[in-house]
Amino acid sequence: MMDPGSVPRIGQMVRILKGRDAGGVACIIQLEDQRFVLIADGDKRKVDRSKKKNVNHLELFDFISPEVKNSIEQTGRVTNAKLRFAISTFMNENNFLTEGE
């Protein structure tokens, strides 16, 4: 059970902890229910084949991309380019190093 302060939100950046994409950073693009969200990164995991993930298998960062959040709220969708931009901005601002780059 997550503490109430760490409820996943649309546009939120996450680190994937379990599964084949483990170690990667992605963005929440849809909330399914209490336990599941859809994530995508606009690159290996495109919007049209977003991944359903259990929130327990994600590390939620205290960062919500305004571009992604606003795009989804206004149009119901987000482009892969916007996701890539949001993630690279987040990574650069937080000095992240990703595996294999």
Protein backbone atom coordinates (compact mmCIF):
# COMPACT_ATOMS: atom_id res chain seq x y z
CA MET A 1 0.00 0.00 0.00
CA MET A 2 1.33 3.42 -0.96
CA ASP A 3 1.15 6.27 1.46
CA PRO A 4 -1.61 8.74 0.53
CA GLY A 5 0.91 11.42 -0.42
CA SER A 6 2.31 9.38 -3.29
CA VAL A 7 -0.73 8.91 -5.48
CA PRO A 8 0.31 8.64 -9.14
CA ARG A 9 -0.70 11.58 -11.34
CA ILE A 10 -0.85 12.14 -15.08
CA GLY A 11 2.39 13.65 -16.39
CA GLN A 12 4.39 12.29 -13.46
CA MET A 13 7.86 10.90 -14.10
CA VAL A 14 8.59 7.39 -12.86
CA ARG A 15 11.48 4.96 -12.75
CA ILE A 16 10.52 1.44 -13.78
CA LEU A 17 11.61 -1.03 -11.11
CA LYS A 18 10.30 -4.35 -12.50
CA GLY A 19 10.02 -5.95 -15.91
CA ARG A 20 11.94 -5.75 -19.15
CA ASP A 21 12.05 -1.93 -19.04
CA ALA A 22 13.46 -1.92 -15.47
CA GLY A 23 15.83 0.97 -14.82
CA GLY A 24 14.23 3.17 -17.45
CA VAL A 25 12.40 6.43 -16.89
CA ALA A 26 8.90 6.95 -18.29
CA CYS A 27 5.90 9.19 -17.85
CA ILE A 28 2.40 8.34 -16.60
CA ILE A 29 -0.07 9.02 -19.40
CA GLN A 30 -3.20 7.45 -17.93
CA LEU A 31 -4.52 6.30 -14.57
CA GLU A 32 -6.31 2.94 -14.80
CA ASP A 33 -7.38 2.44 -11.17
CA GLN A 34 -5.87 2.45 -7.67
CA ARG A 35 -3.11 0.01 -8.62
CA PHE A 36 -2.42 0.41 -12.33
CA VAL A 37 -1.26 3.20 -14.61
CA LEU A 38 -0.26 3.41 -18.26
CA ILE A 39 3.27 4.63 -18.94
CA ALA A 40 5.18 5.56 -22.08
CA ASP A 41 8.49 7.20 -22.92
CA GLY A 42 7.89 8.21 -26.55
CA ASP A 43 10.89 6.16 -27.66
CA LYS A 44 11.10 2.44 -26.89
CA ARG A 45 7.62 2.56 -25.39
CA LYS A 46 5.45 4.66 -27.69
CA VAL A 47 2.10 6.19 -26.72
CA ASP A 48 0.10 3.84 -28.94
CA ARG A 49 1.55 0.81 -27.19
CA SER A 50 1.86 2.19 -23.69
CA LYS A 51 2.60 -0.23 -20.88
CA LYS A 52 0.18 -1.02 -18.07
CA LYS A 53 2.18 -1.10 -14.84
CA ASN A 54 1.40 -1.85 -11.23
CA VAL A 55 2.30 1.30 -9.27
CA ASN A 56 4.18 -0.90 -6.79
CA HIS A 57 6.66 -1.63 -9.61
CA LEU A 58 7.37 2.06 -10.15
CA GLU A 59 9.34 4.66 -8.26
CA LEU A 60 7.32 7.88 -8.44
CA PHE A 61 9.38 11.05 -8.80
CA ASP A 62 8.17 14.31 -7.35
CA PHE A 63 8.01 15.83 -10.82
CA ILE A 64 5.04 16.33 -13.11
CA SER A 65 5.64 17.51 -16.67
CA PRO A 66 3.36 20.49 -17.30
CA GLU A 67 3.57 19.90 -21.09
CA VAL A 68 2.39 16.30 -20.82
CA LYS A 69 -0.24 17.02 -18.17
CA ASN A 70 -1.71 19.98 -20.09
CA SER A 71 -1.69 18.14 -23.41
CA ILE A 72 -3.58 15.15 -21.97
CA GLU A 73 -6.02 17.36 -20.07
CA GLN A 74 -6.76 19.53 -23.11
CA THR A 75 -6.71 17.00 -25.97
CA GLY A 76 -6.86 13.59 -24.27
CA ARG A 77 -3.55 12.58 -25.78
CA VAL A 78 0.14 13.41 -25.94
CA THR A 79 2.66 13.03 -28.78
CA ASN A 80 5.73 10.82 -28.57
CA ALA A 81 7.89 13.87 -29.32
CA LYS A 82 6.40 15.75 -26.36
CA LEU A 83 7.03 12.75 -24.10
CA ARG A 84 10.65 12.46 -25.25
CA PHE A 85 11.14 16.18 -24.68
CA ALA A 86 9.58 16.05 -21.20
CA ILE A 87 11.67 13.06 -20.16
CA SER A 88 14.93 14.48 -21.50
CA THR A 89 14.21 17.80 -19.75
CA PHE A 90 13.52 15.96 -16.49
CA MET A 91 16.67 13.83 -16.87
CA ASN A 92 18.87 16.84 -17.65
CA GLU A 93 17.50 18.89 -14.76
CA ASN A 94 18.12 16.02 -12.36
CA ASN A 95 21.45 14.84 -13.83
CA PHE A 96 20.23 11.32 -14.51
CA LEU A 97 22.35 8.75 -16.25
CA THR A 98 20.46 5.99 -18.01
CA GLU A 99 21.75 2.55 -18.71
CA GLY A 100 23.35 2.06 -22.11
CA GLU A 101 23.75 5.70 -23.09
